[in-house]
Amino acid sequence: MKNTITYLDNNATTPVDIRVIEVVTSYFRDIYANASSNYSFGNKARLAIEDAKINVAELINSDSNEIYFTSGTTESINFALKGLALHPNNNKKHIITCQTEHKVVIETCQYLETLGFNITYLPVDRNGTIDLDLLKKSININTLLICIMWVNNETGVIHPIEEIGKIAKDANIFFLCDGTQGVGKSLINVNDSNIDVLCFSGHKMYAPKGIGGIYINQSLTKQNIIQPLIHGGGQENGLRSGTYNVPLIAGLGRACSIAQEEMKENEAHIMHLQNFLENELSQIDGAFINGKSAPRIYNTVNVCIPYFDTEIFIGMNNDIAVSNGSACNSALVQASHVLLAMGLSNNDAMNSLRISLGKHNTKKDINLLMQRIKNFINK
């Protein structure tokens, strides 16, 4: 059946690249052995895992032995935060994060608070950026780590990761980064950024859902200061047990290699669309881009249109996929915690629309969206 959806919600998920589907299918159909099996058929599956680790590592400039596969960012964040905080040898009970982090960070930190941890939730300004001086002042002798995302999933605002990494290194604390909306779109160098742990998901970069990964600097594993979230068969050097999902791992690896090969081309194409879209939106009376004055990723536009009921608009236009918040909050009809933290009123937050572009989008998609927005306003 032909897909008739105009898809403009790529921060929620991306369509799987056909080249990735071909790789995934081959491992479901032809090389279906258990990668932990000690015979040649199993060795073929194990080689796919090693190749995928190399592809991921090249994308973020790490060593392949620092890459571990998970089911996605939600698991990776839980693994990282709990694995560091709840390690038997850890006696530090303070964590610094930000009010605009993804719900997986916020809720995991709230869980750690029930166990006696003290969490500092840094505020942001009107553009969604944190105060680095306040970050420095928040660090104390009991601070274990800083957890700040690379790119905000709702506004596209980019945090100054290299500066945050330097602050963490100078203070001799860990730096955990949610790289979900940055990996595959931007050049990432975990070493230059002093990132100790980086989490990401495949389905944000044209790979399947249910597969993701985590980079863990080898100094953490050598010192044995991060403990597993999942115990079992000892896969991934005992840090993430469970039978390897070889087809999806191979697909993620292929997606990473494609992202690296086509990153500049995709950026130029999508940035052109972003500029075109924002120019069109600027012609709507009273409309403004959330986070416009901050550094932003080139595919994300979060626009507030006064008196524009996004819930009704989305319900009336079910052939266009856009969002009024994070996909993880889709069941909750409430204002975005990100936009509220940026100082928007409840009404303005509810009247904000997130449009996230992908490599398959065209000006035709934007023209259709703008036509629908203008028709809705006129009605």
Protein backbone atom coordinates (compact mmCIF):
# COMPACT_ATOMS: atom_id res chain seq x y z
CA MET A 1 0.00 0.00 0.00
CA LYS A 2 1.38 3.39 -0.95
CA ASN A 3 2.31 5.63 1.96
CA THR A 4 0.23 8.80 1.69
CA ILE A 5 1.62 10.42 4.86
CA THR A 6 3.61 13.62 4.61
CA TYR A 7 6.11 12.75 7.30
CA LEU A 8 7.63 15.67 9.22
CA ASP A 9 8.29 14.06 12.60
CA ASN A 10 11.78 12.63 12.19
CA ASN A 11 12.80 13.42 15.78
CA ALA A 12 10.17 10.91 16.91
CA THR A 13 11.48 8.25 14.54
CA THR A 14 12.83 7.93 11.03
CA PRO A 15 11.84 5.59 8.21
CA VAL A 16 14.31 2.72 7.89
CA ASP A 17 16.69 3.24 4.99
CA ILE A 18 16.09 0.63 2.27
CA ARG A 19 19.81 -0.24 2.31
CA VAL A 20 19.51 -0.96 6.03
CA ILE A 21 16.42 -3.12 5.45
CA GLU A 22 18.40 -5.22 2.98
CA VAL A 23 21.11 -5.86 5.56
CA VAL A 24 18.63 -6.64 8.34
CA THR A 25 16.70 -9.02 6.08
CA SER A 26 19.84 -10.94 5.11
CA TYR A 27 20.63 -11.65 8.77
CA PHE A 28 17.07 -12.73 9.51
CA ARG A 29 16.97 -14.97 6.44
CA ASP A 30 20.50 -16.23 5.77
CA ILE A 31 22.84 -15.69 8.73
CA TYR A 32 20.47 -16.41 11.62
CA ALA A 33 22.92 -18.18 13.93
CA ASN A 34 23.40 -17.24 17.57
CA ALA A 35 26.49 -15.04 17.67
CA SER A 36 27.61 -16.76 20.87
CA SER A 37 27.68 -20.22 19.24
CA ASN A 38 31.14 -21.74 18.80
CA TYR A 39 30.98 -22.90 15.20
CA SER A 40 31.54 -21.26 11.82
CA PHE A 41 27.90 -20.29 11.28
CA GLY A 42 27.89 -18.51 14.63
CA ASN A 43 31.21 -16.88 13.80
CA LYS A 44 29.60 -15.24 10.75
CA ALA A 45 27.00 -13.65 13.00
CA ARG A 46 29.67 -12.57 15.47
CA LEU A 47 31.62 -10.86 12.67
CA ALA A 48 28.54 -8.77 11.90
CA ILE A 49 28.60 -7.48 15.48
CA GLU A 50 32.28 -6.60 15.28
CA ASP A 51 31.77 -4.81 11.95
CA ALA A 52 28.85 -2.85 13.41
CA LYS A 53 30.95 -1.77 16.38
CA ILE A 54 33.61 -0.46 14.00
CA ASN A 55 31.02 1.52 12.05
CA VAL A 56 29.54 3.06 15.21
CA ALA A 57 33.00 3.84 16.59
CA GLU A 58 34.08 5.59 13.38
CA LEU A 59 30.94 7.75 13.51
CA ILE A 60 31.74 9.09 17.00
CA ASN A 61 35.57 8.73 16.92
CA SER A 62 35.92 6.07 19.60
CA ASP A 63 37.47 2.62 19.78
CA SER A 64 35.21 -0.24 18.75
CA ASN A 65 35.77 -1.99 22.10
CA GLU A 66 34.09 0.99 23.78
CA ILE A 67 30.75 0.34 22.00
CA TYR A 68 28.00 -1.76 23.58
CA PHE A 69 24.62 -2.53 22.04
CA THR A 70 21.33 -2.01 23.86
CA SER A 71 17.66 -1.77 22.92
CA GLY A 72 17.91 2.01 22.61
CA THR A 73 18.54 5.23 24.49
CA THR A 74 16.03 4.52 27.25
CA GLU A 75 17.93 1.42 28.27
CA SER A 76 21.31 3.10 27.74
CA ILE A 77 20.44 6.07 29.97
CA ASN A 78 19.11 3.76 32.70
CA PHE A 79 22.23 1.62 32.41
CA ALA A 80 24.57 4.60 32.59
CA LEU A 81 22.91 6.55 35.40
CA LYS A 82 22.12 3.56 37.60
CA GLY A 83 25.32 1.74 36.69
CA LEU A 84 27.47 4.63 37.89
CA ALA A 85 25.31 5.85 40.76
CA LEU A 86 24.51 2.48 42.31
CA HIS A 87 27.94 0.89 41.94
CA PRO A 88 28.97 -0.52 45.36
CA ASN A 89 32.19 1.51 45.34
CA ASN A 90 30.48 4.82 44.64
CA ASN A 91 29.99 7.08 47.65
CA LYS A 92 29.06 10.28 45.78
CA LYS A 93 25.36 11.17 45.91
CA HIS A 94 25.05 14.31 43.77
CA ILE A 95 24.13 14.46 40.08
CA ILE A 96 23.77 17.55 37.88
CA THR A 97 21.35 17.57 34.96
CA CYS A 98 19.03 20.04 33.23
CA GLN A 99 15.32 20.83 33.39
CA THR A 100 14.93 20.29 29.63
CA GLU A 101 16.40 16.81 29.46
CA HIS A 102 14.40 13.95 27.97
CA LYS A 103 11.92 12.28 30.32
CA VAL A 104 14.14 9.20 30.57
CA VAL A 105 16.82 11.30 32.30
CA ILE A 106 14.35 13.24 34.43
CA GLU A 107 12.48 10.16 35.64
CA THR A 108 15.62 8.10 36.23
CA CYS A 109 17.03 10.96 38.32
CA GLN A 110 13.75 11.18 40.22
CA TYR A 111 14.05 7.46 40.95
CA LEU A 112 17.59 7.98 42.24
CA GLU A 113 16.28 10.74 44.51
CA THR A 114 14.10 8.14 46.24
CA LEU A 115 17.33 6.25 47.00
CA GLY A 116 18.95 9.25 48.68
CA PHE A 117 20.63 11.01 45.75
CA ASN A 118 20.62 14.78 45.46
CA ILE A 119 19.83 16.00 41.94
CA THR A 120 20.47 19.53 40.66
CA TYR A 121 18.15 20.37 37.74
CA LEU A 122 19.79 23.34 36.04
CA PRO A 123 17.38 25.97 34.67
CA VAL A 124 17.58 27.27 31.11
CA ASP A 125 17.06 30.72 29.64
CA ARG A 126 14.46 31.78 27.09
CA ASN A 127 16.51 30.12 24.35
CA GLY A 128 16.85 26.82 26.17
CA THR A 129 20.52 27.19 27.06
CA ILE A 130 22.15 26.62 30.44
CA ASP A 131 24.40 28.99 32.38
CA LEU A 132 27.88 27.44 32.41
CA ASP A 133 28.91 29.54 35.42
CA LEU A 134 25.95 28.14 37.34
CA LEU A 135 26.97 24.66 36.24
CA LYS A 136 30.46 25.18 37.65
CA LYS A 137 29.06 26.57 40.91
CA SER A 138 26.75 23.56 41.25
CA ILE A 139 29.67 21.11 41.44
CA ASN A 140 30.74 20.05 44.92
CA ILE A 141 32.88 17.33 46.51
CA ASN A 142 29.87 14.99 46.47
CA THR A 143 29.17 15.38 42.71
CA LEU A 144 29.34 12.14 40.75
CA LEU A 145 28.47 13.25 37.23
CA ILE A 146 26.95 15.77 34.84
CA CYS A 147 24.20 14.51 32.52
CA ILE A 148 23.41 16.89 29.64
CA MET A 149 21.98 16.03 26.21
CA TRP A 150 23.75 16.98 22.99
CA VAL A 151 20.65 18.19 21.12
CA ASN A 152 17.23 18.85 22.61
CA ASN A 153 14.65 16.59 21.03
CA GLU A 154 11.86 19.20 21.08
CA THR A 155 13.60 22.44 20.13
CA GLY A 156 16.81 21.27 18.46
CA VAL A 157 18.87 23.49 20.78
CA ILE A 158 22.51 22.34 20.92
CA HIS A 159 24.30 22.52 24.25
CA PRO A 160 28.02 23.53 24.36
CA ILE A 161 29.17 19.95 24.80
CA GLU A 162 32.91 20.52 24.52
CA GLU A 163 32.79 23.23 27.20
CA ILE A 164 30.66 21.05 29.48
CA GLY A 165 33.05 18.15 28.95
CA LYS A 166 36.00 20.33 29.92
CA ILE A 167 34.19 21.49 33.06
CA ALA A 168 33.55 17.88 34.03
CA LYS A 169 37.13 16.82 33.33
CA ASP A 170 38.58 19.73 35.30
CA ALA A 171 36.34 18.80 38.25
CA ASN A 172 37.27 15.10 37.93
CA ILE A 173 33.65 14.00 37.56
CA PHE A 174 31.94 11.96 34.85
CA PHE A 175 30.17 13.41 31.82
CA LEU A 176 27.19 11.46 30.51
CA CYS A 177 25.63 12.72 27.27
CA ASP A 178 22.36 11.75 25.59
CA GLY A 179 23.42 11.93 21.95
CA THR A 180 20.17 10.64 20.48
CA GLN A 181 19.34 13.62 18.28
CA GLY A 182 22.95 14.34 17.34
CA VAL A 183 24.50 11.00 16.41
CA GLY A 184 24.29 10.53 12.66
CA LYS A 185 23.48 14.20 12.01
CA SER A 186 26.50 16.05 13.38
CA LEU A 187 30.22 15.42 13.69
CA ILE A 188 30.80 13.92 17.11
CA ASN A 189 34.16 13.29 18.71
CA VAL A 190 33.77 11.77 22.16
CA ASN A 191 37.44 12.25 22.95
CA ASP A 192 37.63 15.95 22.07
CA SER A 193 34.39 16.48 24.00
CA ASN A 194 35.64 14.59 27.08
CA ILE A 195 32.48 12.46 27.07
CA ASP A 196 32.67 9.43 29.34
CA VAL A 197 29.36 7.90 28.28
CA LEU A 198 27.30 8.62 25.14
CA CYS A 199 23.85 7.10 24.54
CA PHE A 200 21.98 6.83 21.24
CA SER A 201 19.17 5.05 19.38
CA GLY A 202 19.10 3.54 15.91
CA HIS A 203 15.59 4.60 14.96
CA LYS A 204 16.54 8.29 15.01
CA MET A 205 19.05 7.66 12.19
CA TYR A 206 17.19 5.46 9.69
CA ALA A 207 17.87 2.17 11.49
CA PRO A 208 15.19 -0.07 13.06
CA LYS A 209 13.48 0.52 16.39
CA GLY A 210 14.62 -1.64 19.27
CA ILE A 211 18.34 -1.21 18.73
CA GLY A 212 20.71 1.41 20.10
CA GLY A 213 23.98 1.65 21.85
CA ILE A 214 26.17 3.18 24.46
CA TYR A 215 29.75 4.37 24.28
CA ILE A 216 31.61 3.85 27.55
CA ASN A 217 35.13 5.22 27.82
CA GLN A 218 37.43 2.28 28.46
CA SER A 219 38.82 3.95 31.59
CA LEU A 220 35.45 3.31 33.30
CA THR A 221 35.38 -0.38 32.41
CA LYS A 222 39.05 -0.91 33.26
CA GLN A 223 38.46 0.55 36.70
CA ASN A 224 35.22 -1.44 37.04
CA ILE A 225 33.19 1.58 38.14
CA ILE A 226 30.05 0.98 36.12
CA GLN A 227 27.89 -2.03 36.89
CA PRO A 228 25.49 -3.89 34.57
CA LEU A 229 21.79 -3.19 34.44
CA ILE A 230 21.08 -6.61 32.88
CA HIS A 231 22.78 -9.77 34.13
CA GLY A 232 22.77 -13.15 32.42
CA GLY A 233 24.98 -14.83 29.84
CA GLY A 234 27.90 -12.44 30.03
CA GLN A 235 27.60 -10.92 26.57
CA GLU A 236 29.23 -7.53 25.94
CA ASN A 237 32.00 -8.28 28.44
CA GLY A 238 29.38 -8.87 31.10
CA LEU A 239 28.03 -5.32 30.87
CA ARG A 240 24.90 -6.14 28.85
CA SER A 241 23.84 -9.76 28.89
CA GLY A 242 21.31 -11.24 26.49
CA THR A 243 21.37 -12.96 23.11
CA TYR A 244 22.72 -10.59 20.48
CA ASN A 245 20.04 -9.18 18.15
CA VAL A 246 22.30 -9.68 15.16
CA PRO A 247 19.94 -8.45 12.39
CA LEU A 248 19.25 -5.14 14.12
CA ILE A 249 22.86 -4.70 15.22
CA ALA A 250 23.99 -5.22 11.61
CA GLY A 251 21.32 -2.75 10.49
CA LEU A 252 22.52 -0.14 12.98
CA GLY A 253 26.06 -0.60 11.76
CA ARG A 254 24.99 -0.05 8.16
CA ALA A 255 22.97 3.01 9.16
CA CYS A 256 26.05 4.47 10.84
CA SER A 257 28.21 3.94 7.78
CA ILE A 258 25.56 5.57 5.57
CA ALA A 259 25.25 8.50 7.98
CA GLN A 260 28.98 9.10 7.90
CA GLU A 261 29.15 8.88 4.10
CA GLU A 262 26.17 11.16 3.47
CA MET A 263 26.27 13.55 6.45
CA LYS A 264 27.40 16.66 4.57
CA GLU A 265 24.96 16.05 1.74
CA ASN A 266 22.06 15.50 4.13
CA GLU A 267 22.95 18.55 6.21
CA ALA A 268 23.00 20.83 3.17
CA HIS A 269 19.69 19.48 1.86
CA ILE A 270 17.85 19.59 5.19
CA MET A 271 19.25 22.96 6.24
CA HIS A 272 17.94 24.43 2.99
CA LEU A 273 14.48 23.07 3.85
CA GLN A 274 14.73 24.39 7.42
CA ASN A 275 15.53 27.90 6.17
CA PHE A 276 12.67 27.73 3.68
CA LEU A 277 10.25 26.54 6.37
CA GLU A 278 11.25 29.20 8.89
CA ASN A 279 10.94 31.92 6.27
CA GLU A 280 7.40 30.74 5.53
CA LEU A 281 6.50 30.58 9.21
CA SER A 282 7.86 34.09 9.81
CA GLN A 283 5.08 35.45 7.63
CA ILE A 284 2.43 34.28 10.11
CA ASP A 285 1.39 37.11 12.39
CA GLY A 286 2.72 36.62 15.92
CA ALA A 287 4.53 33.33 15.22
CA PHE A 288 7.99 32.79 16.71
CA ILE A 289 10.60 30.01 16.70
CA ASN A 290 11.38 28.56 20.13
CA GLY A 291 15.14 28.65 20.74
CA LYS A 292 15.80 30.61 17.55
CA SER A 293 18.71 32.62 19.01
CA ALA A 294 20.52 29.53 20.31
CA PRO A 295 22.66 27.12 18.28
CA ARG A 296 20.23 24.55 16.87
CA ILE A 297 20.41 21.32 14.90
CA TYR A 298 19.59 21.88 11.24
CA ASN A 299 16.51 19.65 11.06
CA THR A 300 14.31 20.91 13.91
CA VAL A 301 11.82 23.78 13.97
CA ASN A 302 9.66 24.36 17.04
CA VAL A 303 7.22 27.16 16.30
CA CYS A 304 4.68 28.86 18.54
CA ILE A 305 1.62 30.27 16.76
CA PRO A 306 -0.63 32.20 19.15
CA TYR A 307 -4.20 30.88 19.44
CA PHE A 308 -3.21 27.85 17.34
CA ASP A 309 -4.63 24.70 18.94
CA THR A 310 -2.08 22.05 17.98
CA GLU A 311 -4.21 19.16 19.27
CA ILE A 312 -7.09 20.08 16.97
CA PHE A 313 -4.75 20.81 14.05
CA ILE A 314 -3.03 17.42 14.33
CA GLY A 315 -6.39 15.66 14.67
CA MET A 316 -7.77 17.38 11.57
CA ASN A 317 -4.69 16.66 9.44
CA ASN A 318 -4.03 12.96 9.93
CA ASP A 319 -2.21 12.74 6.59
CA ILE A 320 0.57 14.99 7.95
CA ALA A 321 2.87 13.82 10.73
CA VAL A 322 4.03 16.64 13.00
CA SER A 323 4.29 16.81 16.77
CA ASN A 324 3.34 19.03 19.67
CA GLY A 325 5.99 17.57 21.96
CA SER A 326 8.11 14.50 22.54
CA ALA A 327 6.78 11.22 21.17
CA CYS A 328 7.37 9.70 24.61
CA ASN A 329 4.74 12.12 25.97
CA SER A 330 2.22 11.51 23.20
CA ALA A 331 -0.35 10.00 25.56
CA LEU A 332 -0.28 13.09 27.75
CA VAL A 333 -2.24 16.13 26.64
CA GLN A 334 -0.21 18.67 28.56
CA ALA A 335 2.25 21.45 27.91
CA SER A 336 5.84 20.48 27.10
CA HIS A 337 8.09 20.55 30.16
CA VAL A 338 10.88 21.77 27.86
CA LEU A 339 8.96 24.83 26.67
CA LEU A 340 7.68 25.62 30.16
CA ALA A 341 11.26 25.52 31.46
CA MET A 342 12.17 28.01 28.72
CA GLY A 343 9.64 30.44 30.17
CA LEU A 344 6.72 29.99 27.77
CA SER A 345 3.25 30.34 29.19
CA ASN A 346 1.11 27.21 29.34
CA ASN A 347 -0.95 28.51 26.39
CA ASP A 348 2.09 29.29 24.24
CA ALA A 349 3.59 25.90 25.03
CA MET A 350 0.34 24.19 24.06
CA ASN A 351 0.24 26.25 20.85
CA SER A 352 3.71 25.16 19.76
CA LEU A 353 4.34 22.72 16.93
CA ARG A 354 7.50 20.67 16.40
CA ILE A 355 8.46 20.03 12.78
CA SER A 356 11.47 17.76 12.38
CA LEU A 357 12.83 17.24 8.88
CA GLY A 358 14.58 14.23 7.38
CA LYS A 359 16.62 13.39 4.33
CA HIS A 360 13.56 12.26 2.36
CA ASN A 361 11.63 15.52 2.78
CA THR A 362 11.14 18.05 -0.02
CA LYS A 363 9.80 21.59 -0.48
CA LYS A 364 6.55 19.99 -1.60
CA ASP A 365 6.10 18.61 1.94
CA ILE A 366 6.67 22.03 3.46
CA ASN A 367 4.33 23.75 1.02
CA LEU A 368 1.57 21.28 1.91
CA LEU A 369 2.14 21.82 5.64
CA MET A 370 2.08 25.60 5.26
CA GLN A 371 -1.10 25.44 3.22
CA ARG A 372 -2.78 23.41 5.96
CA ILE A 373 -1.52 25.75 8.71
CA LYS A 374 -2.80 28.83 6.89
CA ASN A 375 -6.15 27.17 6.18
CA PHE A 376 -6.47 26.25 9.84
CA ILE A 377 -5.66 29.80 10.97
CA ASN A 378 -8.18 31.28 8.52
CA LYS A 379 -10.90 28.98 9.82
